[in-house]
Amino acid sequence: MGQLTKMVCDRCKQKFQGYMVEGFTAGFYLRGPAPGNWDRWMSSEEKVVCDRCMQADPRYLAVYGPLPQKEDD
């Protein structure tokens, strides 16, 4: 599923791992060279925001809602 990438979130400053393949990401949100949807929830200083931070942002939640929680088996 693409290349595993180790990064640091610009919002919480925590290290995390995610995947990137052909302009798509999993595990984080990346500001692109042109303005895009994720810019709406990022400050001008943020380039990389982890899933945990983005999905806790009230502005993001107002549009996408919370992710379903996985039930324990």
C-alpha atoms as a PDB file:
ATOM      1  CA  MET A   1       0.000   0.000   0.000  1.00  0.00           C
ATOM      2  CA  GLY A   2       2.617   2.573  -0.865  1.00  0.00           C
ATOM      3  CA  GLN A   3       5.644   3.678   1.053  1.00  0.00           C
ATOM      4  CA  LEU A   4       5.688   3.721   4.857  1.00  0.00           C
ATOM      5  CA  THR A   5       6.768   7.191   5.945  1.00  0.00           C
ATOM      6  CA  LYS A   6       7.928   8.389   9.363  1.00  0.00           C
ATOM      7  CA  MET A   7       7.004  11.989  10.121  1.00  0.00           C
ATOM      8  CA  VAL A   8       6.380  14.504  12.898  1.00  0.00           C
ATOM      9  CA  CYS A   9       2.986  16.189  13.214  1.00  0.00           C
ATOM     10  CA  ASP A  10       3.244  19.978  12.989  1.00  0.00           C
ATOM     11  CA  ARG A  11       0.325  20.332  15.417  1.00  0.00           C
ATOM     12  CA  CYS A  12       1.127  17.955  18.302  1.00  0.00           C
ATOM     13  CA  LYS A  13       4.856  17.481  17.531  1.00  0.00           C
ATOM     14  CA  GLN A  14       4.514  13.684  17.966  1.00  0.00           C
ATOM     15  CA  LYS A  15       6.247  11.173  15.684  1.00  0.00           C
ATOM     16  CA  PHE A  16       3.978   8.886  13.666  1.00  0.00           C
ATOM     17  CA  GLN A  17       3.996   6.544  10.677  1.00  0.00           C
ATOM     18  CA  GLY A  18       1.762   6.761   7.663  1.00  0.00           C
ATOM     19  CA  TYR A  19       1.639   5.768   4.013  1.00  0.00           C
ATOM     20  CA  MET A  20       2.036   7.864   0.902  1.00  0.00           C
ATOM     21  CA  VAL A  21       1.427   6.747  -2.670  1.00  0.00           C
ATOM     22  CA  GLU A  22       0.931   8.843  -5.819  1.00  0.00           C
ATOM     23  CA  GLY A  23      -0.390  11.942  -4.051  1.00  0.00           C
ATOM     24  CA  PHE A  24      -2.577  10.046  -1.559  1.00  0.00           C
ATOM     25  CA  THR A  25      -1.868   9.593   2.145  1.00  0.00           C
ATOM     26  CA  ALA A  26      -3.070   7.321   4.941  1.00  0.00           C
ATOM     27  CA  GLY A  27      -2.448   8.191   8.591  1.00  0.00           C
ATOM     28  CA  PHE A  28      -1.867  11.887   8.027  1.00  0.00           C
ATOM     29  CA  TYR A  29      -2.931  14.953   6.083  1.00  0.00           C
ATOM     30  CA  LEU A  30      -0.444  16.762   3.883  1.00  0.00           C
ATOM     31  CA  ARG A  31      -0.665  20.320   2.591  1.00  0.00           C
ATOM     32  CA  GLY A  32      -0.063  20.256  -1.146  1.00  0.00           C
ATOM     33  CA  PRO A  33       1.662  22.815  -3.356  1.00  0.00           C
ATOM     34  CA  ALA A  34      -1.712  24.213  -4.458  1.00  0.00           C
ATOM     35  CA  PRO A  35      -4.486  25.152  -2.001  1.00  0.00           C
ATOM     36  CA  GLY A  36      -6.703  22.173  -1.257  1.00  0.00           C
ATOM     37  CA  ASN A  37      -9.375  20.916   1.101  1.00  0.00           C
ATOM     38  CA  TRP A  38      -7.040  20.136   4.010  1.00  0.00           C
ATOM     39  CA  ASP A  39      -5.825  23.743   4.099  1.00  0.00           C
ATOM     40  CA  ARG A  40      -9.190  24.672   5.628  1.00  0.00           C
ATOM     41  CA  TRP A  41      -8.188  22.902   8.854  1.00  0.00           C
ATOM     42  CA  MET A  42      -4.468  23.724   8.894  1.00  0.00           C
ATOM     43  CA  SER A  43      -2.747  26.881  10.043  1.00  0.00           C
ATOM     44  CA  SER A  44      -0.333  28.506   7.616  1.00  0.00           C
ATOM     45  CA  GLU A  45       2.605  26.997   9.555  1.00  0.00           C
ATOM     46  CA  GLU A  46       1.289  23.419   9.345  1.00  0.00           C
ATOM     47  CA  LYS A  47       2.378  21.187   6.475  1.00  0.00           C
ATOM     48  CA  VAL A  48       1.747  17.731   8.029  1.00  0.00           C
ATOM     49  CA  VAL A  49      -1.047  16.890  10.502  1.00  0.00           C
ATOM     50  CA  CYS A  50      -1.549  13.384  11.919  1.00  0.00           C
ATOM     51  CA  ASP A  51      -4.923  11.618  11.827  1.00  0.00           C
ATOM     52  CA  ARG A  52      -5.398  11.973  15.586  1.00  0.00           C
ATOM     53  CA  CYS A  53      -5.033  15.774  15.501  1.00  0.00           C
ATOM     54  CA  MET A  54      -7.100  16.322  12.359  1.00  0.00           C
ATOM     55  CA  GLN A  55      -9.929  14.074  13.534  1.00  0.00           C
ATOM     56  CA  ALA A  56     -10.073  15.935  16.858  1.00  0.00           C
ATOM     57  CA  ASP A  57     -10.428  19.330  15.144  1.00  0.00           C
ATOM     58  CA  PRO A  58     -13.983  20.691  15.621  1.00  0.00           C
ATOM     59  CA  ARG A  59     -13.925  22.270  12.138  1.00  0.00           C
ATOM     60  CA  TYR A  60     -13.062  18.892  10.567  1.00  0.00           C
ATOM     61  CA  LEU A  61     -15.669  17.067  12.685  1.00  0.00           C
ATOM     62  CA  ALA A  62     -18.363  19.549  11.623  1.00  0.00           C
ATOM     63  CA  VAL A  63     -17.894  18.434   8.006  1.00  0.00           C
ATOM     64  CA  TYR A  64     -16.894  14.753   8.263  1.00  0.00           C
ATOM     65  CA  GLY A  65     -18.108  13.712  11.707  1.00  0.00           C
ATOM     66  CA  PRO A  66     -16.274  11.240  13.937  1.00  0.00           C
ATOM     67  CA  LEU A  67     -14.839   8.061  12.494  1.00  0.00           C
ATOM     68  CA  PRO A  68     -16.623   4.876  13.501  1.00  0.00           C
ATOM     69  CA  GLN A  69     -14.913   3.198  16.439  1.00  0.00           C
ATOM     70  CA  LYS A  70     -13.733  -0.376  15.973  1.00  0.00           C
ATOM     71  CA  GLU A  71     -15.462  -2.784  18.339  1.00  0.00           C
ATOM     72  CA  ASP A  72     -13.258  -5.038  20.427  1.00  0.00           C
ATOM     73  CA  ASP A  73     -13.618  -8.741  19.574  1.00  0.00           C
END
